[in-house]
Amino acid sequence: MSLLTHTKPISYLKANAAKIAQELKEDGEHYVITQNGEPAMVVQSVHEYEQTQETLAMLKMLAQSEHDIAQGNTIPADDVIAQLRKRHSL
C-alpha cells in the first residue's frame, strides 16, 4: 500500500465514509486523512487496530522482559516449575 494513494483530504472522508469503511473491511489498508494539507489522522479497520494494539502489547512485554533480565530480576526455570508443581499439588 502506498501512503500517497491512500492519503485523502478530510472532505473525501466526509463524502465517502461508507465506501472507505467497506474498503477498510475488505483489504485491511488504512487511510491517512489530511486537514489543510497536513496529515491529521489515520483511519483503519477495527481488525487492523486490534492487531496493532496486540503487537504493541507484545513489544512492551518484550521490553519489560529485557529490562528485568538486565536488572537480574529472574528466577531459574527449575524453581518456577517446582513452585507450580507445589501450588497445583503435582
PDB file of N, CA and C in Angstrom:
ATOM      1  N   MET A   1       0.837  -1.175   0.000  1.00  0.00           N
ATOM      2  CA  MET A   1       0.000   0.000   0.000  1.00  0.00           C
ATOM      3  C   MET A   1       0.879   1.234   0.000  1.00  0.00           C
ATOM      4  N   SER A   2       0.511   2.179  -0.815  1.00  0.00           N
ATOM      5  CA  SER A   2       1.236   3.433  -0.886  1.00  0.00           C
ATOM      6  C   SER A   2       0.501   4.486  -0.073  1.00  0.00           C
ATOM      7  N   LEU A   3       1.242   5.167   0.789  1.00  0.00           N
ATOM      8  CA  LEU A   3       0.608   6.246   1.544  1.00  0.00           C
ATOM      9  C   LEU A   3       0.082   7.327   0.611  1.00  0.00           C
ATOM     10  N   LEU A   4       0.755   7.505  -0.502  1.00  0.00           N
ATOM     11  CA  LEU A   4       0.341   8.528  -1.451  1.00  0.00           C
ATOM     12  C   LEU A   4      -1.050   8.235  -2.002  1.00  0.00           C
ATOM     13  N   THR A   5      -1.325   6.979  -2.368  1.00  0.00           N
ATOM     14  CA  THR A   5      -2.632   6.653  -2.946  1.00  0.00           C
ATOM     15  C   THR A   5      -3.715   6.545  -1.885  1.00  0.00           C
ATOM     16  N   HIS A   6      -3.339   6.369  -0.661  1.00  0.00           N
ATOM     17  CA  HIS A   6      -4.323   6.283   0.415  1.00  0.00           C
ATOM     18  C   HIS A   6      -4.282   7.503   1.328  1.00  0.00           C
ATOM     19  N   THR A   7      -3.815   8.606   0.804  1.00  0.00           N
ATOM     20  CA  THR A   7      -3.864   9.868   1.528  1.00  0.00           C
ATOM     21  C   THR A   7      -4.958  10.697   0.897  1.00  0.00           C
ATOM     22  N   LYS A   8      -5.926  11.073   1.706  1.00  0.00           N
ATOM     23  CA  LYS A   8      -7.091  11.794   1.191  1.00  0.00           C
ATOM     24  C   LYS A   8      -7.407  12.973   2.115  1.00  0.00           C
ATOM     25  N   PRO A   9      -7.995  14.026   1.551  1.00  0.00           N
ATOM     26  CA  PRO A   9      -8.413  15.148   2.389  1.00  0.00           C
ATOM     27  C   PRO A   9      -9.644  14.773   3.215  1.00  0.00           C
ATOM     28  N   ILE A  10      -9.857  15.504   4.274  1.00  0.00           N
ATOM     29  CA  ILE A  10     -10.981  15.204   5.161  1.00  0.00           C
ATOM     30  C   ILE A  10     -12.306  15.316   4.432  1.00  0.00           C
ATOM     31  N   SER A  11     -12.382  16.159   3.405  1.00  0.00           N
ATOM     32  CA  SER A  11     -13.621  16.270   2.623  1.00  0.00           C
ATOM     33  C   SER A  11     -13.945  14.950   1.917  1.00  0.00           C
ATOM     34  N   TYR A  12     -12.911  14.219   1.482  1.00  0.00           N
ATOM     35  CA  TYR A  12     -13.121  12.909   0.860  1.00  0.00           C
ATOM     36  C   TYR A  12     -13.693  11.927   1.881  1.00  0.00           C
ATOM     37  N   LEU A  13     -13.169  11.959   3.087  1.00  0.00           N
ATOM     38  CA  LEU A  13     -13.684  11.089   4.147  1.00  0.00           C
ATOM     39  C   LEU A  13     -15.151  11.397   4.418  1.00  0.00           C
ATOM     40  N   LYS A  14     -15.481  12.666   4.516  1.00  0.00           N
ATOM     41  CA  LYS A  14     -16.869  13.057   4.779  1.00  0.00           C
ATOM     42  C   LYS A  14     -17.808  12.585   3.677  1.00  0.00           C
ATOM     43  N   ALA A  15     -17.369  12.727   2.434  1.00  0.00           N
ATOM     44  CA  ALA A  15     -18.226  12.382   1.298  1.00  0.00           C
ATOM     45  C   ALA A  15     -18.274  10.887   1.003  1.00  0.00           C
ATOM     46  N   ASN A  16     -17.276  10.129   1.463  1.00  0.00           N
ATOM     47  CA  ASN A  16     -17.170   8.713   1.103  1.00  0.00           C
ATOM     48  C   ASN A  16     -16.993   7.790   2.302  1.00  0.00           C
ATOM     49  N   ALA A  17     -17.540   8.156   3.421  1.00  0.00           N
ATOM     50  CA  ALA A  17     -17.323   7.384   4.647  1.00  0.00           C
ATOM     51  C   ALA A  17     -17.740   5.917   4.496  1.00  0.00           C
ATOM     52  N   ALA A  18     -18.893   5.667   3.913  1.00  0.00           N
ATOM     53  CA  ALA A  18     -19.362   4.283   3.767  1.00  0.00           C
ATOM     54  C   ALA A  18     -18.444   3.492   2.841  1.00  0.00           C
ATOM     55  N   LYS A  19     -18.018   4.113   1.747  1.00  0.00           N
ATOM     56  CA  LYS A  19     -17.118   3.456   0.801  1.00  0.00           C
ATOM     57  C   LYS A  19     -15.790   3.131   1.478  1.00  0.00           C
ATOM     58  N   ILE A  20     -15.256   4.082   2.219  1.00  0.00           N
ATOM     59  CA  ILE A  20     -13.986   3.870   2.918  1.00  0.00           C
ATOM     60  C   ILE A  20     -14.123   2.751   3.941  1.00  0.00           C
ATOM     61  N   ALA A  21     -15.222   2.754   4.692  1.00  0.00           N
ATOM     62  CA  ALA A  21     -15.444   1.707   5.698  1.00  0.00           C
ATOM     63  C   ALA A  21     -15.451   0.333   5.042  1.00  0.00           C
ATOM     64  N   GLN A  22     -16.100   0.220   3.895  1.00  0.00           N
ATOM     65  CA  GLN A  22     -16.151  -1.060   3.188  1.00  0.00           C
ATOM     66  C   GLN A  22     -14.765  -1.474   2.722  1.00  0.00           C
ATOM     67  N   GLU A  23     -14.010  -0.533   2.157  1.00  0.00           N
ATOM     68  CA  GLU A  23     -12.652  -0.835   1.700  1.00  0.00           C
ATOM     69  C   GLU A  23     -11.766  -1.283   2.855  1.00  0.00           C
ATOM     70  N   LEU A  24     -11.904  -0.636   3.986  1.00  0.00           N
ATOM     71  CA  LEU A  24     -11.093  -0.997   5.149  1.00  0.00           C
ATOM     72  C   LEU A  24     -11.405  -2.417   5.605  1.00  0.00           C
ATOM     73  N   LYS A  25     -12.678  -2.783   5.579  1.00  0.00           N
ATOM     74  CA  LYS A  25     -13.069  -4.134   5.973  1.00  0.00           C
ATOM     75  C   LYS A  25     -12.530  -5.170   4.994  1.00  0.00           C
ATOM     76  N   GLU A  26     -12.541  -4.830   3.715  1.00  0.00           N
ATOM     77  CA  GLU A  26     -12.159  -5.792   2.682  1.00  0.00           C
ATOM     78  C   GLU A  26     -10.657  -5.992   2.566  1.00  0.00           C
ATOM     79  N   ASP A  27      -9.889  -4.914   2.573  1.00  0.00           N
ATOM     80  CA  ASP A  27      -8.464  -5.062   2.285  1.00  0.00           C
ATOM     81  C   ASP A  27      -7.535  -4.737   3.441  1.00  0.00           C
ATOM     82  N   GLY A  28      -8.053  -4.266   4.549  1.00  0.00           N
ATOM     83  CA  GLY A  28      -7.221  -4.042   5.728  1.00  0.00           C
ATOM     84  C   GLY A  28      -6.261  -2.879   5.620  1.00  0.00           C
ATOM     85  N   GLU A  29      -6.340  -2.111   4.542  1.00  0.00           N
ATOM     86  CA  GLU A  29      -5.464  -0.952   4.397  1.00  0.00           C
ATOM     87  C   GLU A  29      -5.950   0.167   5.308  1.00  0.00           C
ATOM     88  N   HIS A  30      -5.186   1.200   5.371  1.00  0.00           N
ATOM     89  CA  HIS A  30      -5.613   2.365   6.150  1.00  0.00           C
ATOM     90  C   HIS A  30      -5.489   3.612   5.297  1.00  0.00           C
ATOM     91  N   TYR A  31      -6.156   4.656   5.714  1.00  0.00           N
ATOM     92  CA  TYR A  31      -6.098   5.943   5.028  1.00  0.00           C
ATOM     93  C   TYR A  31      -5.451   6.969   5.940  1.00  0.00           C
ATOM     94  N   VAL A  32      -4.611   7.807   5.344  1.00  0.00           N
ATOM     95  CA  VAL A  32      -4.101   8.984   6.035  1.00  0.00           C
ATOM     96  C   VAL A  32      -5.006  10.123   5.588  1.00  0.00           C
ATOM     97  N   ILE A  33      -5.630  10.779   6.553  1.00  0.00           N
ATOM     98  CA  ILE A  33      -6.556  11.868   6.261  1.00  0.00           C
ATOM     99  C   ILE A  33      -5.867  13.191   6.571  1.00  0.00           C
ATOM    100  N   THR A  34      -5.943  14.099   5.608  1.00  0.00           N
ATOM    101  CA  THR A  34      -5.301  15.400   5.790  1.00  0.00           C
ATOM    102  C   THR A  34      -6.345  16.472   6.090  1.00  0.00           C
ATOM    103  N   GLN A  35      -5.882  17.489   6.757  1.00  0.00           N
ATOM    104  CA  GLN A  35      -6.712  18.669   7.023  1.00  0.00           C
ATOM    105  C   GLN A  35      -5.827  19.875   6.761  1.00  0.00           C
ATOM    106  N   ASN A  36      -6.284  20.751   5.895  1.00  0.00           N
ATOM    107  CA  ASN A  36      -5.489  21.907   5.465  1.00  0.00           C
ATOM    108  C   ASN A  36      -4.142  21.469   4.894  1.00  0.00           C
ATOM    109  N   GLY A  37      -4.136  20.327   4.191  1.00  0.00           N
ATOM    110  CA  GLY A  37      -2.932  19.846   3.532  1.00  0.00           C
ATOM    111  C   GLY A  37      -1.937  19.122   4.419  1.00  0.00           C
ATOM    112  N   GLU A  38      -2.223  19.016   5.695  1.00  0.00           N
ATOM    113  CA  GLU A  38      -1.328  18.353   6.649  1.00  0.00           C
ATOM    114  C   GLU A  38      -1.954  17.057   7.142  1.00  0.00           C
ATOM    115  N   PRO A  39      -1.157  16.002   7.332  1.00  0.00           N
ATOM    116  CA  PRO A  39      -1.707  14.762   7.897  1.00  0.00           C
ATOM    117  C   PRO A  39      -2.345  15.042   9.260  1.00  0.00           C
ATOM    118  N   ALA A  40      -3.584  14.572   9.427  1.00  0.00           N
ATOM    119  CA  ALA A  40      -4.309  14.838  10.667  1.00  0.00           C
ATOM    120  C   ALA A  40      -4.700  13.562  11.407  1.00  0.00           C
ATOM    121  N   MET A  41      -4.948  12.484  10.663  1.00  0.00           N
ATOM    122  CA  MET A  41      -5.381  11.250  11.315  1.00  0.00           C
ATOM    123  C   MET A  41      -5.165  10.063  10.401  1.00  0.00           C
ATOM    124  N   VAL A  42      -5.233   8.894  11.003  1.00  0.00           N
ATOM    125  CA  VAL A  42      -5.203   7.641  10.258  1.00  0.00           C
ATOM    126  C   VAL A  42      -6.517   6.936  10.533  1.00  0.00           C
ATOM    127  N   VAL A  43      -7.144   6.462   9.490  1.00  0.00           N
ATOM    128  CA  VAL A  43      -8.393   5.712   9.617  1.00  0.00           C
ATOM    129  C   VAL A  43      -8.089   4.286   9.203  1.00  0.00           C
ATOM    130  N   GLN A  44      -8.427   3.333  10.094  1.00  0.00           N
ATOM    131  CA  GLN A  44      -8.163   1.931   9.801  1.00  0.00           C
ATOM    132  C   GLN A  44      -9.302   1.082  10.328  1.00  0.00           C
ATOM    133  N   SER A  45      -9.348  -0.154   9.894  1.00  0.00           N
ATOM    134  CA  SER A  45     -10.409  -1.061  10.343  1.00  0.00           C
ATOM    135  C   SER A  45     -10.195  -1.428  11.803  1.00  0.00           C
ATOM    136  N   VAL A  46     -11.255  -1.854  12.435  1.00  0.00           N
ATOM    137  CA  VAL A  46     -11.164  -2.294  13.827  1.00  0.00           C
ATOM    138  C   VAL A  46     -10.222  -3.488  13.934  1.00  0.00           C
ATOM    139  N   HIS A  47     -10.295  -4.389  12.977  1.00  0.00           N
ATOM    140  CA  HIS A  47      -9.420  -5.572  12.991  1.00  0.00           C
ATOM    141  C   HIS A  47      -7.954  -5.153  12.968  1.00  0.00           C
ATOM    142  N   GLU A  48      -7.599  -4.248  12.058  1.00  0.00           N
ATOM    143  CA  GLU A  48      -6.216  -3.773  11.975  1.00  0.00           C
ATOM    144  C   GLU A  48      -5.805  -3.041  13.252  1.00  0.00           C
ATOM    145  N   TYR A  49      -6.713  -2.264  13.811  1.00  0.00           N
ATOM    146  CA  TYR A  49      -6.426  -1.557  15.061  1.00  0.00           C
ATOM    147  C   TYR A  49      -6.133  -2.553  16.185  1.00  0.00           C
ATOM    148  N   GLU A  50      -6.965  -3.578  16.295  1.00  0.00           N
ATOM    149  CA  GLU A  50      -6.760  -4.591  17.336  1.00  0.00           C
ATOM    150  C   GLU A  50      -5.425  -5.306  17.150  1.00  0.00           C
ATOM    151  N   GLN A  51      -5.082  -5.638  15.921  1.00  0.00           N
ATOM    152  CA  GLN A  51      -3.796  -6.293  15.662  1.00  0.00           C
ATOM    153  C   GLN A  51      -2.634  -5.375  16.049  1.00  0.00           C
ATOM    154  N   THR A  52      -2.751  -4.114  15.736  1.00  0.00           N
ATOM    155  CA  THR A  52      -1.707  -3.150  16.106  1.00  0.00           C
ATOM    156  C   THR A  52      -1.564  -3.076  17.620  1.00  0.00           C
ATOM    157  N   GLN A  53      -2.687  -3.030  18.327  1.00  0.00           N
ATOM    158  CA  GLN A  53      -2.646  -2.955  19.785  1.00  0.00           C
ATOM    159  C   GLN A  53      -2.020  -4.212  20.387  1.00  0.00           C
ATOM    160  N   GLU A  54      -2.348  -5.380  19.831  1.00  0.00           N
ATOM    161  CA  GLU A  54      -1.758  -6.628  20.314  1.00  0.00           C
ATOM    162  C   GLU A  54      -0.256  -6.649  20.076  1.00  0.00           C
ATOM    163  N   THR A  55       0.170  -6.169  18.917  1.00  0.00           N
ATOM    164  CA  THR A  55       1.596  -6.102  18.610  1.00  0.00           C
ATOM    165  C   THR A  55       2.312  -5.179  19.585  1.00  0.00           C
ATOM    166  N   LEU A  56       1.732  -4.022  19.846  1.00  0.00           N
ATOM    167  CA  LEU A  56       2.332  -3.086  20.799  1.00  0.00           C
ATOM    168  C   LEU A  56       2.424  -3.692  22.196  1.00  0.00           C
ATOM    169  N   ALA A  57       1.383  -4.412  22.601  1.00  0.00           N
ATOM    170  CA  ALA A  57       1.405  -5.050  23.924  1.00  0.00           C
ATOM    171  C   ALA A  57       2.525  -6.079  24.010  1.00  0.00           C
ATOM    172  N   MET A  58       2.694  -6.868  22.948  1.00  0.00           N
ATOM    173  CA  MET A  58       3.776  -7.860  22.937  1.00  0.00           C
ATOM    174  C   MET A  58       5.143  -7.181  22.986  1.00  0.00           C
ATOM    175  N   LEU A  59       5.312  -6.107  22.234  1.00  0.00           N
ATOM    176  CA  LEU A  59       6.580  -5.382  22.243  1.00  0.00           C
ATOM    177  C   LEU A  59       6.873  -4.804  23.628  1.00  0.00           C
ATOM    178  N   LYS A  60       5.832  -4.319  24.301  1.00  0.00           N
ATOM    179  CA  LYS A  60       6.015  -3.799  25.660  1.00  0.00           C
ATOM    180  C   LYS A  60       6.437  -4.909  26.619  1.00  0.00           C
ATOM    181  N   MET A  61       5.816  -6.090  26.465  1.00  0.00           N
ATOM    182  CA  MET A  61       6.195  -7.217  27.322  1.00  0.00           C
ATOM    183  C   MET A  61       7.633  -7.639  27.067  1.00  0.00           C
ATOM    184  N   LEU A  62       8.046  -7.648  25.805  1.00  0.00           N
ATOM    185  CA  LEU A  62       9.428  -7.995  25.479  1.00  0.00           C
ATOM    186  C   LEU A  62      10.400  -6.975  26.071  1.00  0.00           C
ATOM    187  N   ALA A  63      10.060  -5.711  25.961  1.00  0.00           N
ATOM    188  CA  ALA A  63      10.926  -4.662  26.512  1.00  0.00           C
ATOM    189  C   ALA A  63      11.022  -4.803  28.034  1.00  0.00           C
ATOM    190  N   GLN A  64       9.888  -5.095  28.691  1.00  0.00           N
ATOM    191  CA  GLN A  64       9.905  -5.279  30.143  1.00  0.00           C
ATOM    192  C   GLN A  64      10.728  -6.499  30.518  1.00  0.00           C
ATOM    193  N   SER A  65      10.621  -7.562  29.732  1.00  0.00           N
ATOM    194  CA  SER A  65      11.402  -8.771  29.999  1.00  0.00           C
ATOM    195  C   SER A  65      12.892  -8.503  29.868  1.00  0.00           C
ATOM    196  N   GLU A  66      13.258  -7.787  28.813  1.00  0.00           N
ATOM    197  CA  GLU A  66      14.669  -7.445  28.634  1.00  0.00           C
ATOM    198  C   GLU A  66      15.174  -6.580  29.793  1.00  0.00           C
ATOM    199  N   HIS A  67      14.334  -5.669  30.255  1.00  0.00           N
ATOM    200  CA  HIS A  67      14.697  -4.819  31.397  1.00  0.00           C
ATOM    201  C   HIS A  67      14.879  -5.672  32.651  1.00  0.00           C
ATOM    202  N   ASP A  68      13.945  -6.592  32.885  1.00  0.00           N
ATOM    203  CA  ASP A  68      14.042  -7.475  34.054  1.00  0.00           C
ATOM    204  C   ASP A  68      15.316  -8.312  34.003  1.00  0.00           C
ATOM    205  N   ILE A  69      15.646  -8.836  32.829  1.00  0.00           N
ATOM    206  CA  ILE A  69      16.866  -9.639  32.689  1.00  0.00           C
ATOM    207  C   ILE A  69      18.094  -8.786  32.985  1.00  0.00           C
ATOM    208  N   ALA A  70      18.115  -7.582  32.439  1.00  0.00           N
ATOM    209  CA  ALA A  70      19.253  -6.683  32.672  1.00  0.00           C
ATOM    210  C   ALA A  70      19.393  -6.325  34.153  1.00  0.00           C
ATOM    211  N   GLN A  71      18.273  -6.251  34.870  1.00  0.00           N
ATOM    212  CA  GLN A  71      18.294  -5.915  36.288  1.00  0.00           C
ATOM    213  C   GLN A  71      18.521  -7.139  37.177  1.00  0.00           C
ATOM    214  N   GLY A  72      18.550  -8.309  36.574  1.00  0.00           N
ATOM    215  CA  GLY A  72      18.750  -9.530  37.342  1.00  0.00           C
ATOM    216  C   GLY A  72      17.490 -10.028  38.021  1.00  0.00           C
ATOM    217  N   ASN A  73      16.334  -9.551  37.598  1.00  0.00           N
ATOM    218  CA  ASN A  73      15.057  -9.966  38.181  1.00  0.00           C
ATOM    219  C   ASN A  73      14.545 -11.209  37.472  1.00  0.00           C
ATOM    220  N   THR A  74      15.240 -12.317  37.680  1.00  0.00           N
ATOM    221  CA  THR A  74      14.867 -13.568  37.038  1.00  0.00           C
ATOM    222  C   THR A  74      14.835 -14.686  38.071  1.00  0.00           C
ATOM    223  N   ILE A  75      14.160 -15.760  37.705  1.00  0.00           N
ATOM    224  CA  ILE A  75      14.084 -16.953  38.549  1.00  0.00           C
ATOM    225  C   ILE A  75      14.441 -18.137  37.653  1.00  0.00           C
ATOM    226  N   PRO A  76      15.301 -19.022  38.098  1.00  0.00           N
ATOM    227  CA  PRO A  76      15.627 -20.194  37.287  1.00  0.00           C
ATOM    228  C   PRO A  76      14.372 -21.004  36.944  1.00  0.00           C
ATOM    229  N   ALA A  77      14.331 -21.555  35.735  1.00  0.00           N
ATOM    230  CA  ALA A  77      13.166 -22.311  35.263  1.00  0.00           C
ATOM    231  C   ALA A  77      12.836 -23.473  36.189  1.00  0.00           C
ATOM    232  N   ASP A  78      13.839 -24.153  36.709  1.00  0.00           N
ATOM    233  CA  ASP A  78      13.587 -25.278  37.609  1.00  0.00           C
ATOM    234  C   ASP A  78      12.835 -24.830  38.851  1.00  0.00           C
ATOM    235  N   ASP A  79      13.184 -23.654  39.371  1.00  0.00           N
ATOM    236  CA  ASP A  79      12.490 -23.125  40.553  1.00  0.00           C
ATOM    237  C   ASP A  79      11.034 -22.803  40.241  1.00  0.00           C
ATOM    238  N   VAL A  80      10.781 -22.231  39.079  1.00  0.00           N
ATOM    239  CA  VAL A  80       9.413 -21.899  38.677  1.00  0.00           C
ATOM    240  C   VAL A  80       8.585 -23.169  38.542  1.00  0.00           C
ATOM    241  N   ILE A  81       9.144 -24.186  37.913  1.00  0.00           N
ATOM    242  CA  ILE A  81       8.429 -25.453  37.740  1.00  0.00           C
ATOM    243  C   ILE A  81       8.127 -26.080  39.093  1.00  0.00           C
ATOM    244  N   ALA A  82       9.077 -26.037  39.990  1.00  0.00           N
ATOM    245  CA  ALA A  82       8.855 -26.585  41.337  1.00  0.00           C
ATOM    246  C   ALA A  82       7.749 -25.822  42.056  1.00  0.00           C
ATOM    247  N   GLN A  83       7.736 -24.510  41.925  1.00  0.00           N
ATOM    248  CA  GLN A  83       6.688 -23.701  42.566  1.00  0.00           C
ATOM    249  C   GLN A  83       5.313 -24.036  41.994  1.00  0.00           C
ATOM    250  N   LEU A  84       5.237 -24.208  40.680  1.00  0.00           N
ATOM    251  CA  LEU A  84       3.961 -24.550  40.048  1.00  0.00           C
ATOM    252  C   LEU A  84       3.475 -25.923  40.472  1.00  0.00           C
ATOM    253  N   ARG A  85       4.396 -26.879  40.542  1.00  0.00           N
ATOM    254  CA  ARG A  85       4.022 -28.232  40.977  1.00  0.00           C
ATOM    255  C   ARG A  85       3.502 -28.206  42.406  1.00  0.00           C
ATOM    256  N   LYS A  86       4.172 -27.459  43.264  1.00  0.00           N
ATOM    257  CA  LYS A  86       3.742 -27.373  44.662  1.00  0.00           C
ATOM    258  C   LYS A  86       2.369 -26.700  44.752  1.00  0.00           C
ATOM    259  N   ARG A  87       2.190 -25.610  44.009  1.00  0.00           N
ATOM    260  CA  ARG A  87       0.943 -24.864  44.053  1.00  0.00           C
ATOM    261  C   ARG A  87      -0.235 -25.699  43.556  1.00  0.00           C
ATOM    262  N   HIS A  88       0.017 -26.558  42.574  1.00  0.00           N
ATOM    263  CA  HIS A  88      -1.065 -27.354  41.991  1.00  0.00           C
ATOM    264  C   HIS A  88      -1.034 -28.809  42.449  1.00  0.00           C
ATOM    265  N   SER A  89      -0.276 -29.078  43.492  1.00  0.00           N
ATOM    266  CA  SER A  89      -0.196 -30.408  44.095  1.00  0.00           C
ATOM    267  C   SER A  89       0.121 -31.492  43.067  1.00  0.00           C
ATOM    268  N   LEU A  90       1.122 -31.245  42.258  1.00  0.00           N
ATOM    269  CA  LEU A  90       1.501 -32.243  41.226  1.00  0.00           C
ATOM    270  C   LEU A  90       2.736 -32.987  41.653  1.00  0.00           C
TER     271      LEU A  90
END
